[in-house]
Amino acid sequence: MTTQQTMNILLCPDSFKDCLSAQEVIEALATGVQHVFPEAIITKIPLADGGEGFVQTLLTALGGQLISIQVKNPLGRLTDASYGILGDKQTAVIEMAAASGIELLKPEERNPMLTSTFGTGQLLLDAMQRGCRNLIIGIGGSATNDGGTGMAKALGYRFLNIHGDEIAEGGGELAQLHHIDTSKVTALLKQTQITVACDVTNPLTGTHGASSVYGPQKGATAEMVEKLDENLQHLANCIEKDLDKTILDLAGGGAAGGLGAGLVAFAHAELSLGFDIVKEQTQLEKAIQQADFIITGEGKMDVQTKQGKTPWGVAQLAKKHHKPCLGIAGFLGEGYQELYQEGFTSLLALPNGPISLQESIQLASELLADKAEQAMRLISFYRH
């Protein structure tokens, strides 16, 4: 870079969970950048890896419209849920959390023995009925542990007990399953390609499976975890018997309480890293190639960021194209120093001194702008 060149700065963070959306993070960062480089060309690409903000990220990047319908929430109550249809009119982007997410329930209501993914299936069906033949679904933030059976029921699958009656919904009822009936499954499913944005590799069952790892976060006791795990094992056996599909060892099958495995088994879906989907749809790599400097980040960054999280993906691309990359986080956790080997030029945390979590949330926009300005001032010095 020379002093005559206009800086091309790429802002591509994920959201700061429970605080700011990715777009809000970008606007705060842009404020800080412009304090130092008012003439800078700022490229803004909000990112998400399949959880909160996934739909809005792709709508922002590609255009389209938000569709809102009534669906059943995880406990069967009617709720409004939205998904996006992109500008091509053929592609729908869905967040399972919009219909079956844990945030839709009060803490005392959370019980994965009872919760169902039926509402997620309603979103999928609605998109297909509107003519979408390419569905992209993010499966972060679930309240469920039903192996995707609720979702499948909304698409026409019937889950029958030994007497031929339909079993009740929820992960706790799967032990009653004897036969999976496919005679009433919507024909639209065979005409539709479904891609699942999944940022975990957990299998369906076992010590690293859906119930053991994520069940307690959804309200499961130790006894429930054991029962839920047994039930998902039983479901996998029934799927192999009736659908001739093997899902037990599927990497990512345990995501969203087994919805990952369920989408593969019942909807012929393919699992993919959420970041990879967003990277392709937003042409992120091209933007990184054109940038002089990149800023990414999310609420917390630590050694686990290396496991496919959005900032790590950005840093990997920056490293590939030899671009400086700054990571900004609300909090830098244990082992964050390892990220310097992953493509990050520098890492900054928001607080400038002792500050409570509540204060950091309230001041997040100001702190983000301040950190961006600090980085730009250092760059400005070396450009001259």
Protein backbone atom coordinates (compact mmCIF):
# COMPACT_ATOMS: atom_id res chain seq x y z
CA MET A 1 0.00 0.00 0.00
CA THR A 2 1.08 3.58 -0.62
CA THR A 3 -0.23 6.80 0.86
CA GLN A 4 -1.99 7.54 -2.45
CA GLN A 5 -4.04 4.37 -2.40
CA THR A 6 -7.57 4.33 -1.03
CA MET A 7 -7.88 1.71 1.70
CA ASN A 8 -10.18 -1.21 0.86
CA ILE A 9 -11.40 -2.61 4.16
CA LEU A 10 -13.57 -5.71 4.47
CA LEU A 11 -15.83 -6.02 7.51
CA CYS A 12 -17.14 -9.59 7.84
CA PRO A 13 -18.00 -10.53 11.44
CA ASP A 14 -20.52 -12.95 12.87
CA SER A 15 -23.08 -11.68 15.39
CA PHE A 16 -22.20 -11.02 19.02
CA LYS A 17 -24.69 -13.44 20.55
CA ASP A 18 -27.41 -11.89 22.76
CA CYS A 19 -25.95 -8.48 22.00
CA LEU A 20 -25.60 -7.29 18.38
CA SER A 21 -26.47 -8.76 15.00
CA ALA A 22 -23.67 -9.15 12.47
CA GLN A 23 -25.01 -6.12 10.59
CA GLU A 24 -24.99 -4.03 13.78
CA VAL A 25 -21.42 -5.13 14.49
CA ILE A 26 -20.43 -4.04 11.00
CA GLU A 27 -21.97 -0.59 11.38
CA ALA A 28 -20.10 -0.06 14.65
CA LEU A 29 -16.81 -1.19 13.10
CA ALA A 30 -17.37 1.06 10.09
CA THR A 31 -17.76 4.05 12.40
CA GLY A 32 -14.35 3.39 13.93
CA VAL A 33 -12.72 2.85 10.54
CA GLN A 34 -14.10 6.11 9.15
CA HIS A 35 -12.74 8.12 12.08
CA VAL A 36 -9.28 7.39 10.67
CA PHE A 37 -9.90 6.65 6.99
CA PRO A 38 -12.99 8.66 5.98
CA GLU A 39 -12.36 7.95 2.30
CA ALA A 40 -11.91 4.19 2.75
CA ILE A 41 -13.83 1.77 0.55
CA ILE A 42 -15.66 -0.38 3.09
CA THR A 43 -17.09 -3.73 1.98
CA LYS A 44 -19.70 -5.09 4.38
CA ILE A 45 -20.50 -8.82 4.51
CA PRO A 46 -22.38 -9.95 7.65
CA LEU A 47 -21.70 -13.63 8.31
CA ALA A 48 -23.31 -16.52 10.17
CA ASP A 49 -22.54 -20.23 10.45
CA GLY A 50 -26.05 -21.66 10.56
CA GLY A 51 -27.35 -20.22 13.80
CA GLU A 52 -28.83 -16.85 14.64
CA GLY A 53 -28.65 -14.43 11.72
CA PHE A 54 -28.19 -17.09 9.04
CA VAL A 55 -31.28 -16.10 7.07
CA GLN A 56 -30.62 -12.37 7.29
CA THR A 57 -27.00 -12.84 6.24
CA LEU A 58 -27.97 -14.48 2.97
CA LEU A 59 -30.88 -12.13 2.33
CA THR A 60 -28.56 -9.15 2.83
CA ALA A 61 -25.96 -10.61 0.48
CA LEU A 62 -28.24 -11.95 -2.23
CA GLY A 63 -31.55 -10.12 -1.93
CA GLY A 64 -34.96 -11.70 -1.60
CA GLN A 65 -37.94 -11.55 0.71
CA LEU A 66 -38.81 -12.61 4.22
CA ILE A 67 -41.78 -14.96 4.52
CA SER A 68 -43.68 -15.22 7.81
CA ILE A 69 -46.10 -18.04 8.62
CA GLN A 70 -47.68 -19.61 11.69
CA VAL A 71 -46.09 -22.84 12.87
CA LYS A 72 -45.98 -24.95 16.00
CA ASN A 73 -43.27 -24.09 18.50
CA PRO A 74 -41.31 -26.89 20.25
CA LEU A 75 -44.22 -27.55 22.61
CA GLY A 76 -46.92 -27.31 19.96
CA ARG A 77 -48.11 -23.77 20.57
CA LEU A 78 -48.72 -21.59 17.51
CA THR A 79 -46.05 -18.99 16.85
CA ASP A 80 -44.98 -16.75 13.97
CA ALA A 81 -41.80 -17.87 12.25
CA SER A 82 -39.95 -16.38 9.29
CA TYR A 83 -37.66 -17.69 6.60
CA GLY A 84 -36.16 -16.19 3.46
CA ILE A 85 -36.71 -16.79 -0.24
CA LEU A 86 -33.73 -15.51 -2.17
CA GLY A 87 -33.86 -13.45 -5.32
CA ASP A 88 -33.77 -16.46 -7.63
CA LYS A 89 -37.19 -17.51 -6.26
CA GLN A 90 -35.90 -21.08 -6.14
CA THR A 91 -33.81 -20.99 -2.98
CA ALA A 92 -35.18 -20.79 0.54
CA VAL A 93 -33.04 -20.13 3.61
CA ILE A 94 -34.38 -21.40 6.92
CA GLU A 95 -33.25 -21.28 10.55
CA MET A 96 -34.66 -24.19 12.52
CA ALA A 97 -34.46 -21.99 15.62
CA ALA A 98 -37.20 -19.78 14.18
CA ALA A 99 -39.69 -22.59 14.74
CA SER A 100 -37.98 -25.07 17.09
CA GLY A 101 -35.44 -22.96 18.95
CA ILE A 102 -34.66 -22.98 22.63
CA GLU A 103 -35.25 -19.22 22.90
CA LEU A 104 -38.95 -19.80 22.11
CA LEU A 105 -39.41 -21.48 25.50
CA LYS A 106 -39.12 -20.19 29.04
CA PRO A 107 -36.32 -21.87 31.02
CA GLU A 108 -38.80 -23.84 33.11
CA GLU A 109 -40.53 -25.15 29.95
CA ARG A 110 -37.43 -26.68 28.39
CA ASN A 111 -37.73 -30.46 28.29
CA PRO A 112 -36.23 -32.44 25.37
CA MET A 113 -38.40 -35.42 26.29
CA LEU A 114 -41.37 -33.37 25.03
CA THR A 115 -40.06 -30.85 22.49
CA SER A 116 -40.55 -31.42 18.77
CA THR A 117 -39.13 -30.20 15.45
CA PHE A 118 -42.59 -30.25 13.81
CA GLY A 119 -42.52 -26.48 13.22
CA THR A 120 -39.26 -26.78 11.33
CA GLY A 121 -40.91 -29.28 9.01
CA GLN A 122 -43.74 -26.80 8.47
CA LEU A 123 -41.22 -24.20 7.31
CA LEU A 124 -39.63 -26.67 4.90
CA LEU A 125 -42.99 -27.71 3.51
CA ASP A 126 -44.17 -24.12 3.06
CA ALA A 127 -41.02 -23.25 1.11
CA MET A 128 -41.47 -26.26 -1.16
CA GLN A 129 -45.13 -25.40 -1.72
CA ARG A 130 -44.08 -21.90 -2.81
CA GLY A 131 -41.91 -23.40 -5.53
CA CYS A 132 -38.50 -23.50 -3.85
CA ARG A 133 -36.47 -26.51 -4.93
CA ASN A 134 -33.24 -25.61 -3.19
CA LEU A 135 -33.48 -25.33 0.60
CA ILE A 136 -30.64 -24.27 2.88
CA ILE A 137 -31.35 -24.84 6.57
CA GLY A 138 -29.29 -23.72 9.55
CA ILE A 139 -29.79 -25.95 12.57
CA GLY A 140 -28.22 -24.07 15.47
CA GLY A 141 -30.04 -23.17 18.70
CA SER A 142 -32.49 -26.05 18.98
CA ALA A 143 -34.73 -26.94 21.91
CA THR A 144 -35.22 -30.49 20.68
CA ASN A 145 -33.87 -34.02 20.88
CA ASP A 146 -36.31 -35.91 18.67
CA GLY A 147 -33.96 -36.99 15.87
CA GLY A 148 -35.92 -34.87 13.42
CA THR A 149 -39.04 -37.02 13.70
CA GLY A 150 -41.27 -34.00 14.32
CA MET A 151 -39.90 -32.36 11.18
CA ALA A 152 -40.48 -35.55 9.22
CA LYS A 153 -44.05 -35.86 10.51
CA ALA A 154 -44.82 -32.40 9.07
CA LEU A 155 -43.59 -33.71 5.70
CA GLY A 156 -45.94 -36.70 5.83
CA TYR A 157 -43.96 -39.43 7.57
CA ARG A 158 -45.90 -41.47 10.12
CA PHE A 159 -44.19 -42.96 13.17
CA LEU A 160 -46.20 -45.94 14.38
CA ASN A 161 -46.15 -48.07 17.50
CA ILE A 162 -46.56 -51.84 17.53
CA HIS A 163 -50.37 -51.41 17.33
CA GLY A 164 -50.15 -49.22 14.21
CA ASP A 165 -51.02 -46.01 16.03
CA GLU A 166 -48.95 -42.82 15.68
CA ILE A 167 -46.67 -42.16 18.62
CA ALA A 168 -46.66 -38.79 20.38
CA GLU A 169 -44.01 -36.22 19.47
CA GLY A 170 -40.84 -35.60 21.45
CA GLY A 171 -37.61 -37.43 22.15
CA GLY A 172 -39.13 -39.26 25.08
CA GLU A 173 -41.63 -41.13 22.90
CA LEU A 174 -39.22 -42.70 20.42
CA ALA A 175 -38.94 -45.90 22.45
CA GLN A 176 -42.50 -46.70 21.31
CA LEU A 177 -41.54 -46.56 17.64
CA HIS A 178 -42.07 -49.81 15.73
CA HIS A 179 -42.48 -48.78 12.09
CA ILE A 180 -41.87 -45.72 9.89
CA ASP A 181 -44.59 -45.30 7.27
CA THR A 182 -43.63 -43.35 4.14
CA SER A 183 -46.87 -43.72 2.17
CA LYS A 184 -48.04 -40.14 2.79
CA VAL A 185 -44.71 -38.29 2.43
CA THR A 186 -45.03 -35.19 0.22
CA ALA A 187 -43.92 -35.80 -3.35
CA LEU A 188 -42.23 -32.39 -3.33
CA LEU A 189 -39.42 -33.83 -1.22
CA LYS A 190 -38.03 -35.91 -4.10
CA GLN A 191 -37.91 -32.78 -6.27
CA THR A 192 -36.00 -30.71 -3.70
CA GLN A 193 -32.33 -30.42 -2.79
CA ILE A 194 -31.73 -29.69 0.89
CA THR A 195 -28.40 -28.52 2.30
CA VAL A 196 -27.88 -28.37 6.06
CA ALA A 197 -25.63 -25.75 7.61
CA CYS A 198 -24.07 -27.55 10.56
CA ASP A 199 -21.08 -26.37 12.60
CA VAL A 200 -20.60 -29.43 14.83
CA THR A 201 -19.38 -32.96 14.10
CA ASN A 202 -21.08 -34.81 16.95
CA PRO A 203 -22.58 -38.21 16.09
CA LEU A 204 -26.17 -39.06 16.89
CA THR A 205 -25.54 -41.12 20.05
CA GLY A 206 -22.93 -41.95 22.66
CA THR A 207 -20.80 -39.83 24.98
CA HIS A 208 -20.25 -37.26 22.23
CA GLY A 209 -23.77 -37.54 20.87
CA ALA A 210 -26.78 -35.24 20.79
CA SER A 211 -28.25 -36.23 24.15
CA SER A 212 -25.07 -36.38 26.22
CA VAL A 213 -23.47 -33.18 24.95
CA TYR A 214 -26.44 -30.91 24.32
CA GLY A 215 -29.31 -32.47 26.27
CA PRO A 216 -28.46 -30.79 29.61
CA GLN A 217 -28.51 -27.35 27.93
CA LYS A 218 -32.07 -28.10 26.86
CA GLY A 219 -33.30 -29.08 30.30
CA ALA A 220 -32.43 -32.78 30.42
CA THR A 221 -31.53 -34.43 33.71
CA ALA A 222 -28.94 -37.22 33.85
CA GLU A 223 -31.76 -39.77 33.75
CA MET A 224 -33.31 -38.04 30.74
CA VAL A 225 -29.99 -37.98 28.91
CA GLU A 226 -29.64 -41.74 29.28
CA LYS A 227 -33.19 -42.36 28.08
CA LEU A 228 -32.92 -39.91 25.18
CA ASP A 229 -29.70 -41.52 24.02
CA GLU A 230 -31.30 -44.97 24.08
CA ASN A 231 -34.27 -43.61 22.15
CA LEU A 232 -32.11 -42.10 19.41
CA GLN A 233 -30.28 -45.41 19.11
CA HIS A 234 -33.65 -47.12 18.70
CA LEU A 235 -34.69 -44.54 16.10
CA ALA A 236 -31.48 -45.18 14.14
CA ASN A 237 -32.23 -48.91 14.17
CA CYS A 238 -35.75 -48.29 12.86
CA ILE A 239 -34.43 -45.98 10.14
CA GLU A 240 -31.97 -48.64 9.02
CA LYS A 241 -34.71 -51.29 8.99
CA ASP A 242 -37.46 -49.26 7.29
CA LEU A 243 -35.55 -46.70 5.20
CA ASP A 244 -32.32 -48.61 4.58
CA LYS A 245 -30.18 -45.70 5.75
CA THR A 246 -27.36 -45.76 8.28
CA ILE A 247 -27.00 -42.60 10.36
CA LEU A 248 -25.33 -43.62 13.63
CA ASP A 249 -21.79 -42.66 12.64
CA LEU A 250 -22.73 -39.62 10.59
CA ALA A 251 -20.51 -36.65 11.48
CA GLY A 252 -22.90 -33.86 12.48
CA GLY A 253 -25.80 -36.26 12.88
CA GLY A 254 -26.13 -35.24 16.51
CA ALA A 255 -26.59 -31.56 15.69
CA ALA A 256 -29.84 -29.99 16.90
CA GLY A 257 -30.84 -33.02 18.92
CA GLY A 258 -30.37 -35.39 16.00
CA LEU A 259 -32.06 -33.15 13.42
CA GLY A 260 -28.85 -33.38 11.39
CA ALA A 261 -29.26 -37.14 11.10
CA GLY A 262 -33.01 -36.79 10.63
CA LEU A 263 -32.65 -34.44 7.67
CA VAL A 264 -30.28 -36.89 6.00
CA ALA A 265 -32.54 -39.87 6.71
CA PHE A 266 -35.94 -38.33 6.01
CA ALA A 267 -35.19 -35.48 3.58
CA HIS A 268 -32.15 -36.83 1.66
CA ALA A 269 -30.22 -33.75 2.80
CA GLU A 270 -26.49 -33.12 2.71
CA LEU A 271 -24.62 -31.78 5.73
CA SER A 272 -22.14 -28.96 5.19
CA LEU A 273 -20.27 -26.47 7.35
CA GLY A 274 -22.43 -23.37 7.70
CA PHE A 275 -19.44 -21.16 7.01
CA ASP A 276 -18.74 -22.95 3.75
CA ILE A 277 -22.29 -22.32 2.55
CA VAL A 278 -22.19 -18.65 3.48
CA LYS A 279 -18.70 -18.24 2.01
CA GLU A 280 -19.89 -19.48 -1.35
CA GLN A 281 -23.20 -17.61 -1.38
CA THR A 282 -21.64 -14.26 -0.42
CA GLN A 283 -18.49 -14.62 -2.59
CA LEU A 284 -16.46 -13.91 0.52
CA GLU A 285 -13.18 -15.20 -0.89
CA LYS A 286 -13.34 -12.74 -3.80
CA ALA A 287 -13.92 -9.88 -1.34
CA ILE A 288 -10.93 -11.01 0.74
CA GLN A 289 -8.71 -11.06 -2.35
CA GLN A 290 -9.67 -7.45 -3.10
CA ALA A 291 -9.28 -6.19 0.49
CA ASP A 292 -6.27 -4.41 2.00
CA PHE A 293 -7.36 -5.22 5.54
CA ILE A 294 -9.98 -7.55 7.04
CA ILE A 295 -11.86 -7.30 10.33
CA THR A 296 -13.91 -10.22 11.62
CA GLY A 297 -15.01 -11.48 15.03
CA GLU A 298 -17.82 -12.71 17.27
CA GLY A 299 -18.84 -12.55 20.91
CA LYS A 300 -16.26 -15.02 22.21
CA MET A 301 -13.09 -16.29 20.63
CA ASP A 302 -10.90 -19.00 22.11
CA VAL A 303 -9.20 -22.24 21.13
CA GLN A 304 -12.58 -23.68 20.07
CA THR A 305 -12.86 -21.00 17.39
CA LYS A 306 -10.61 -23.28 15.35
CA GLN A 307 -13.40 -25.86 15.12
CA GLY A 308 -15.03 -24.27 12.08
CA LYS A 309 -16.33 -21.04 13.59
CA THR A 310 -16.92 -18.07 11.30
CA PRO A 311 -13.90 -15.92 12.32
CA TRP A 312 -11.60 -18.91 11.89
CA GLY A 313 -12.94 -19.47 8.38
CA VAL A 314 -12.31 -15.83 7.52
CA ALA A 315 -8.79 -16.00 8.93
CA GLN A 316 -8.02 -19.12 6.92
CA LEU A 317 -8.98 -17.35 3.70
CA ALA A 318 -6.99 -14.27 4.72
CA LYS A 319 -3.97 -16.48 5.34
CA LYS A 320 -4.41 -18.16 1.96
CA HIS A 321 -4.32 -14.79 0.19
CA HIS A 322 -1.69 -13.19 2.47
CA LYS A 323 -4.03 -10.53 3.83
CA PRO A 324 -3.84 -8.96 7.34
CA CYS A 325 -6.79 -10.05 9.46
CA LEU A 326 -7.93 -8.56 12.76
CA GLY A 327 -10.24 -10.51 15.06
CA ILE A 328 -12.35 -8.57 17.57
CA ALA A 329 -14.26 -10.39 20.31
CA GLY A 330 -16.29 -9.44 23.32
CA PHE A 331 -14.12 -11.87 25.25
CA LEU A 332 -10.90 -13.73 24.45
CA GLY A 333 -11.00 -17.10 26.19
CA GLU A 334 -8.54 -19.83 27.03
CA GLY A 335 -6.08 -20.72 24.30
CA TYR A 336 -6.92 -17.80 22.03
CA GLN A 337 -3.20 -17.33 21.36
CA GLU A 338 -3.30 -20.44 19.18
CA LEU A 339 -5.40 -18.47 16.70
CA TYR A 340 -2.33 -16.47 15.69
CA GLN A 341 -1.19 -19.59 13.82
CA GLU A 342 -4.54 -19.77 12.01
CA GLY A 343 -4.33 -16.56 10.02
CA PHE A 344 -5.09 -13.82 12.53
CA THR A 345 -2.65 -10.92 12.48
CA SER A 346 -4.00 -9.54 15.74
CA LEU A 347 -6.78 -10.22 18.25
CA LEU A 348 -8.52 -7.65 20.44
CA ALA A 349 -11.14 -7.91 23.19
CA LEU A 350 -13.67 -5.14 23.71
CA PRO A 351 -13.26 -4.01 27.35
CA ASN A 352 -10.72 -1.26 27.97
CA GLY A 353 -10.71 -1.95 31.70
CA PRO A 354 -12.72 -3.65 34.46
CA ILE A 355 -16.30 -3.83 33.22
CA SER A 356 -19.35 -5.96 33.95
CA LEU A 357 -20.95 -8.21 31.35
CA GLN A 358 -24.04 -6.03 31.39
CA GLU A 359 -21.97 -2.90 30.79
CA SER A 360 -20.06 -4.53 27.95
CA ILE A 361 -23.35 -5.48 26.28
CA GLN A 362 -24.78 -1.99 26.70
CA LEU A 363 -21.62 -0.35 25.36
CA ALA A 364 -20.81 -2.94 22.69
CA SER A 365 -21.30 -0.63 19.70
CA GLU A 366 -19.10 2.09 21.19
CA LEU A 367 -16.42 -0.41 22.20
CA LEU A 368 -16.39 -1.99 18.74
CA ALA A 369 -15.98 1.39 17.10
CA ASP A 370 -13.17 2.22 19.51
CA LYS A 371 -11.29 -1.03 18.80
CA ALA A 372 -11.62 -0.55 15.06
CA GLU A 373 -10.30 2.99 15.40
CA GLN A 374 -7.33 1.79 17.48
CA ALA A 375 -6.38 -0.70 14.78
CA MET A 376 -6.79 1.84 11.99
CA ARG A 377 -4.61 4.41 13.79
CA LEU A 378 -1.80 1.88 13.97
CA ILE A 379 -2.21 1.11 10.27
CA SER A 380 -2.29 4.80 9.46
CA PHE A 381 1.05 5.32 11.18
CA TYR A 382 2.76 2.60 9.16
CA ARG A 383 1.20 3.71 5.88
CA HIS A 384 3.04 6.98 6.28
